[in-house]
Amino acid sequence: MRHSAAVAVISLVVFACAPVGAEPRPADPRASLDPLAKSLVDGEYCSGLVVALIPPDAPPQIFAWGETTRGNGKAPDGNTVFELGSVSKVFTSLLLAELVIDKQVLDQRAQRK
């Protein structure tokens, strides 16, 4: 199934807190991401892709593939504005869940007990 999205976004947050015995970080993250990113762009699932790796102990790294719009020749970057569509619901629900856990918003279920 092909998607007609103009641009796909993958945001990855990489934390240094890894379980004991976890594999070390790859020396070149771009080389690890390249096969997946190229398959998405070449397979016409999206015209462009941006990935942000944000470790807590190092500066962020931004990697991009493809174009902002298919055929325009302009590569996306860390400043490219994306239309997120339905994926924003996931981010909103995670943010709300964190606020409830931190007791910064009211949980109606807790009030009934």
N, C-alpha and C. Protein backbone atom coordinates (compact mmCIF):
# COMPACT_ATOMS: atom_id res chain seq x y z
N MET A 1 0.85 -1.19 0.00
CA MET A 1 0.00 0.00 0.00
C MET A 1 0.89 1.24 0.00
N ARG A 2 0.66 2.12 -0.94
CA ARG A 2 1.45 3.34 -1.01
C ARG A 2 0.69 4.47 -0.34
N HIS A 3 1.44 5.29 0.37
CA HIS A 3 0.84 6.42 1.06
C HIS A 3 1.11 7.68 0.25
N SER A 4 0.17 8.61 0.28
CA SER A 4 0.32 9.82 -0.51
C SER A 4 0.88 10.98 0.29
N ALA A 5 1.40 10.71 1.47
CA ALA A 5 1.95 11.79 2.29
C ALA A 5 3.12 12.44 1.58
N ALA A 6 3.15 13.77 1.61
CA ALA A 6 4.22 14.50 0.94
C ALA A 6 5.55 14.27 1.64
N VAL A 7 5.53 14.28 2.95
CA VAL A 7 6.76 14.12 3.72
C VAL A 7 6.45 13.31 4.97
N ALA A 8 7.31 12.40 5.31
CA ALA A 8 7.14 11.63 6.54
C ALA A 8 8.16 12.10 7.55
N VAL A 9 7.80 12.03 8.80
CA VAL A 9 8.69 12.46 9.87
C VAL A 9 8.89 11.31 10.83
N ILE A 10 10.11 11.08 11.17
CA ILE A 10 10.39 10.13 12.23
C ILE A 10 11.23 10.88 13.24
N SER A 11 10.75 10.96 14.44
CA SER A 11 11.50 11.62 15.50
C SER A 11 11.93 10.55 16.48
N LEU A 12 13.20 10.45 16.68
CA LEU A 12 13.73 9.48 17.62
C LEU A 12 14.44 10.20 18.73
N VAL A 13 14.14 9.85 19.94
CA VAL A 13 14.85 10.40 21.08
C VAL A 13 15.68 9.27 21.65
N VAL A 14 16.97 9.46 21.65
CA VAL A 14 17.88 8.42 22.12
C VAL A 14 18.43 8.85 23.47
N PHE A 15 18.21 8.02 24.46
CA PHE A 15 18.68 8.31 25.81
C PHE A 15 19.90 7.47 26.14
N ALA A 16 20.75 7.99 27.00
CA ALA A 16 21.96 7.26 27.39
C ALA A 16 21.63 6.16 28.38
N CYS A 17 20.50 6.23 29.03
CA CYS A 17 20.12 5.22 30.02
C CYS A 17 19.75 3.93 29.32
N ALA A 18 20.71 3.09 29.14
CA ALA A 18 20.47 1.81 28.46
C ALA A 18 20.57 0.70 29.48
N PRO A 19 19.81 -0.38 29.28
CA PRO A 19 19.89 -1.50 30.21
C PRO A 19 21.29 -2.11 30.22
N VAL A 20 21.63 -2.74 31.34
CA VAL A 20 22.92 -3.41 31.45
C VAL A 20 23.02 -4.46 30.36
N GLY A 21 24.16 -4.50 29.71
CA GLY A 21 24.37 -5.48 28.64
C GLY A 21 23.81 -5.04 27.30
N ALA A 22 23.32 -3.80 27.22
CA ALA A 22 22.78 -3.33 25.94
C ALA A 22 23.91 -3.13 24.94
N GLU A 23 23.57 -3.24 23.68
CA GLU A 23 24.57 -3.04 22.65
C GLU A 23 25.01 -1.59 22.64
N PRO A 24 26.29 -1.33 22.34
CA PRO A 24 26.77 0.06 22.29
C PRO A 24 26.13 0.81 21.13
N ARG A 25 26.14 2.13 21.24
CA ARG A 25 25.61 2.97 20.16
C ARG A 25 26.46 2.76 18.91
N PRO A 26 25.84 2.80 17.74
CA PRO A 26 26.64 2.66 16.52
C PRO A 26 27.55 3.86 16.34
N ALA A 27 28.73 3.63 15.79
CA ALA A 27 29.68 4.72 15.56
C ALA A 27 29.12 5.73 14.57
N ASP A 28 28.40 5.26 13.57
CA ASP A 28 27.82 6.14 12.55
C ASP A 28 26.32 5.88 12.47
N PRO A 29 25.51 6.66 13.22
CA PRO A 29 24.06 6.43 13.21
C PRO A 29 23.44 6.54 11.82
N ARG A 30 23.97 7.43 11.00
CA ARG A 30 23.40 7.60 9.66
C ARG A 30 23.50 6.31 8.85
N ALA A 31 24.62 5.62 8.97
CA ALA A 31 24.79 4.36 8.24
C ALA A 31 23.76 3.33 8.70
N SER A 32 23.41 3.35 9.98
CA SER A 32 22.40 2.42 10.49
C SER A 32 21.00 2.77 10.00
N LEU A 33 20.71 4.06 9.87
CA LEU A 33 19.38 4.52 9.46
C LEU A 33 19.19 4.53 7.95
N ASP A 34 20.29 4.61 7.20
CA ASP A 34 20.25 4.75 5.75
C ASP A 34 19.37 3.72 5.03
N PRO A 35 19.51 2.42 5.31
CA PRO A 35 18.69 1.45 4.56
C PRO A 35 17.18 1.66 4.72
N LEU A 36 16.73 1.91 5.95
CA LEU A 36 15.30 2.13 6.18
C LEU A 36 14.84 3.42 5.53
N ALA A 37 15.59 4.50 5.73
CA ALA A 37 15.20 5.80 5.18
C ALA A 37 15.13 5.75 3.66
N LYS A 38 16.15 5.18 3.04
CA LYS A 38 16.16 5.12 1.58
C LYS A 38 15.04 4.24 1.05
N SER A 39 14.71 3.16 1.77
CA SER A 39 13.61 2.30 1.29
C SER A 39 12.28 3.04 1.37
N LEU A 40 12.09 3.89 2.36
CA LEU A 40 10.84 4.66 2.46
C LEU A 40 10.74 5.70 1.34
N VAL A 41 11.84 6.40 1.09
CA VAL A 41 11.83 7.43 0.04
C VAL A 41 11.77 6.78 -1.34
N ASP A 42 12.61 5.78 -1.58
CA ASP A 42 12.63 5.11 -2.89
C ASP A 42 11.34 4.34 -3.16
N GLY A 43 10.71 3.83 -2.12
CA GLY A 43 9.45 3.09 -2.27
C GLY A 43 8.25 4.00 -2.38
N GLU A 44 8.47 5.30 -2.41
CA GLU A 44 7.43 6.32 -2.56
C GLU A 44 6.42 6.33 -1.42
N TYR A 45 6.87 5.93 -0.23
CA TYR A 45 6.01 6.07 0.95
C TYR A 45 6.04 7.51 1.43
N CYS A 46 7.13 8.20 1.11
CA CYS A 46 7.25 9.62 1.45
C CYS A 46 8.26 10.23 0.49
N SER A 47 8.21 11.54 0.38
CA SER A 47 9.17 12.20 -0.50
C SER A 47 10.43 12.60 0.25
N GLY A 48 10.31 12.76 1.55
CA GLY A 48 11.45 13.16 2.35
C GLY A 48 11.29 12.71 3.78
N LEU A 49 12.42 12.65 4.48
CA LEU A 49 12.43 12.10 5.83
C LEU A 49 13.48 12.83 6.65
N VAL A 50 13.17 13.17 7.88
CA VAL A 50 14.12 13.78 8.80
C VAL A 50 14.11 12.99 10.10
N VAL A 51 15.29 12.67 10.60
CA VAL A 51 15.42 11.95 11.87
C VAL A 51 16.30 12.78 12.78
N ALA A 52 15.84 12.99 14.01
CA ALA A 52 16.63 13.70 15.02
C ALA A 52 17.02 12.73 16.11
N LEU A 53 18.31 12.63 16.36
CA LEU A 53 18.82 11.83 17.48
C LEU A 53 19.24 12.81 18.57
N ILE A 54 18.63 12.66 19.74
CA ILE A 54 18.85 13.63 20.81
C ILE A 54 19.34 12.91 22.06
N PRO A 55 20.64 12.67 22.16
CA PRO A 55 21.17 12.02 23.36
C PRO A 55 21.31 13.04 24.49
N PRO A 56 21.23 12.61 25.75
CA PRO A 56 21.32 13.56 26.86
C PRO A 56 22.73 14.10 27.08
N ASP A 57 23.74 13.41 26.56
CA ASP A 57 25.12 13.79 26.85
C ASP A 57 25.89 14.29 25.63
N ALA A 58 25.18 14.64 24.57
CA ALA A 58 25.83 15.12 23.35
C ALA A 58 24.87 16.02 22.59
N PRO A 59 25.39 16.82 21.67
CA PRO A 59 24.49 17.67 20.88
C PRO A 59 23.59 16.84 19.97
N PRO A 60 22.41 17.36 19.63
CA PRO A 60 21.51 16.65 18.72
C PRO A 60 22.16 16.45 17.35
N GLN A 61 21.76 15.38 16.69
CA GLN A 61 22.19 15.12 15.32
C GLN A 61 20.93 15.05 14.46
N ILE A 62 20.96 15.75 13.32
CA ILE A 62 19.83 15.77 12.41
C ILE A 62 20.28 15.12 11.09
N PHE A 63 19.49 14.15 10.62
CA PHE A 63 19.78 13.47 9.37
C PHE A 63 18.56 13.61 8.46
N ALA A 64 18.79 13.79 7.17
CA ALA A 64 17.67 13.97 6.24
C ALA A 64 17.92 13.19 4.95
N TRP A 65 16.82 12.77 4.34
CA TRP A 65 16.84 12.05 3.07
C TRP A 65 15.72 12.58 2.19
N GLY A 66 15.89 12.50 0.88
CA GLY A 66 14.82 12.84 -0.06
C GLY A 66 14.66 14.32 -0.31
N GLU A 67 13.41 14.73 -0.57
CA GLU A 67 13.08 16.11 -0.92
C GLU A 67 11.87 16.57 -0.11
N THR A 68 11.71 17.89 0.05
CA THR A 68 10.55 18.40 0.78
C THR A 68 9.25 18.12 0.02
N THR A 69 9.29 18.19 -1.30
CA THR A 69 8.18 17.80 -2.17
C THR A 69 8.80 17.05 -3.33
N ARG A 70 8.21 15.92 -3.68
CA ARG A 70 8.80 15.09 -4.73
C ARG A 70 9.03 15.89 -6.01
N GLY A 71 10.28 15.87 -6.47
CA GLY A 71 10.63 16.53 -7.72
C GLY A 71 11.14 17.96 -7.59
N ASN A 72 11.09 18.56 -6.37
CA ASN A 72 11.53 19.95 -6.28
C ASN A 72 13.03 20.10 -6.04
N GLY A 73 13.73 19.01 -5.73
CA GLY A 73 15.18 19.05 -5.55
C GLY A 73 15.64 19.67 -4.25
N LYS A 74 14.73 20.10 -3.38
CA LYS A 74 15.12 20.74 -2.12
C LYS A 74 15.10 19.70 -1.00
N ALA A 75 16.26 19.48 -0.40
CA ALA A 75 16.37 18.48 0.67
C ALA A 75 15.78 19.04 1.97
N PRO A 76 15.09 18.21 2.75
CA PRO A 76 14.60 18.66 4.06
C PRO A 76 15.78 18.80 5.03
N ASP A 77 15.56 19.54 6.10
CA ASP A 77 16.59 19.68 7.13
C ASP A 77 15.92 19.86 8.49
N GLY A 78 16.67 20.21 9.49
CA GLY A 78 16.14 20.37 10.84
C GLY A 78 15.17 21.52 10.99
N ASN A 79 15.11 22.41 10.01
CA ASN A 79 14.18 23.55 10.06
C ASN A 79 12.97 23.37 9.16
N THR A 80 12.86 22.23 8.51
CA THR A 80 11.71 21.97 7.62
C THR A 80 10.44 21.84 8.45
N VAL A 81 9.38 22.50 8.01
CA VAL A 81 8.08 22.43 8.69
C VAL A 81 7.31 21.26 8.08
N PHE A 82 6.81 20.38 8.95
CA PHE A 82 6.08 19.20 8.50
C PHE A 82 4.63 19.25 8.97
N GLU A 83 3.75 18.68 8.17
CA GLU A 83 2.38 18.46 8.60
C GLU A 83 2.35 17.09 9.24
N LEU A 84 2.06 17.04 10.53
CA LEU A 84 2.13 15.78 11.26
C LEU A 84 0.90 14.91 11.09
N GLY A 85 -0.25 15.50 10.87
CA GLY A 85 -1.46 14.70 10.71
C GLY A 85 -1.80 13.94 11.98
N SER A 86 -2.23 12.71 11.84
CA SER A 86 -2.73 11.93 12.96
C SER A 86 -1.69 11.55 13.99
N VAL A 87 -0.41 11.58 13.63
CA VAL A 87 0.61 11.19 14.60
C VAL A 87 0.65 12.18 15.78
N SER A 88 0.17 13.40 15.59
CA SER A 88 0.16 14.37 16.69
C SER A 88 -0.73 13.92 17.84
N LYS A 89 -1.73 13.08 17.55
CA LYS A 89 -2.60 12.55 18.61
C LYS A 89 -1.79 11.71 19.59
N VAL A 90 -0.83 10.98 19.08
CA VAL A 90 0.02 10.14 19.95
C VAL A 90 0.83 11.02 20.89
N PHE A 91 1.45 12.07 20.33
CA PHE A 91 2.25 12.96 21.17
C PHE A 91 1.38 13.68 22.21
N THR A 92 0.19 14.10 21.82
CA THR A 92 -0.72 14.78 22.74
C THR A 92 -1.13 13.85 23.87
N SER A 93 -1.47 12.60 23.56
CA SER A 93 -1.89 11.67 24.61
C SER A 93 -0.75 11.33 25.56
N LEU A 94 0.47 11.21 25.04
CA LEU A 94 1.63 10.95 25.91
C LEU A 94 1.90 12.13 26.84
N LEU A 95 1.77 13.34 26.30
CA LEU A 95 1.97 14.53 27.12
C LEU A 95 0.90 14.61 28.21
N LEU A 96 -0.36 14.36 27.86
CA LEU A 96 -1.44 14.37 28.84
C LEU A 96 -1.20 13.32 29.92
N ALA A 97 -0.78 12.12 29.52
CA ALA A 97 -0.51 11.05 30.49
C ALA A 97 0.58 11.47 31.47
N GLU A 98 1.63 12.10 30.97
CA GLU A 98 2.70 12.57 31.87
C GLU A 98 2.18 13.63 32.83
N LEU A 99 1.33 14.53 32.34
CA LEU A 99 0.78 15.58 33.21
C LEU A 99 -0.11 14.99 34.30
N VAL A 100 -0.87 13.95 33.96
CA VAL A 100 -1.72 13.29 34.96
C VAL A 100 -0.84 12.61 36.00
N ILE A 101 0.18 11.89 35.57
CA ILE A 101 1.09 11.21 36.51
C ILE A 101 1.77 12.21 37.43
N ASP A 102 2.17 13.36 36.88
CA ASP A 102 2.81 14.41 37.68
C ASP A 102 1.82 15.25 38.47
N LYS A 103 0.52 14.89 38.38
CA LYS A 103 -0.56 15.59 39.09
C LYS A 103 -0.63 17.07 38.72
N GLN A 104 -0.32 17.38 37.47
CA GLN A 104 -0.43 18.75 36.98
C GLN A 104 -1.77 19.00 36.32
N VAL A 105 -2.51 17.93 36.02
CA VAL A 105 -3.89 18.04 35.55
C VAL A 105 -4.72 17.07 36.39
N LEU A 106 -6.00 17.30 36.44
CA LEU A 106 -6.89 16.51 37.29
C LEU A 106 -7.28 15.20 36.62
N ASP A 107 -7.18 14.12 37.35
CA ASP A 107 -7.63 12.82 36.89
C ASP A 107 -8.98 12.57 37.55
N GLN A 108 -10.07 12.59 36.78
CA GLN A 108 -11.42 12.44 37.31
C GLN A 108 -11.61 11.12 38.08
N ARG A 109 -10.94 10.05 37.62
CA ARG A 109 -11.07 8.78 38.29
C ARG A 109 -10.52 8.84 39.72
N ALA A 110 -9.43 9.54 39.91
CA ALA A 110 -8.82 9.66 41.22
C ALA A 110 -9.72 10.46 42.16
N GLN A 111 -10.48 11.40 41.62
CA GLN A 111 -11.36 12.24 42.41
C GLN A 111 -12.55 11.46 42.95
N ARG A 112 -13.02 10.43 42.24
CA ARG A 112 -14.20 9.65 42.64
C ARG A 112 -13.90 8.71 43.79
N LYS A 113 -12.66 8.36 44.01
CA LYS A 113 -12.32 7.37 45.04
C LYS A 113 -12.34 7.96 46.43
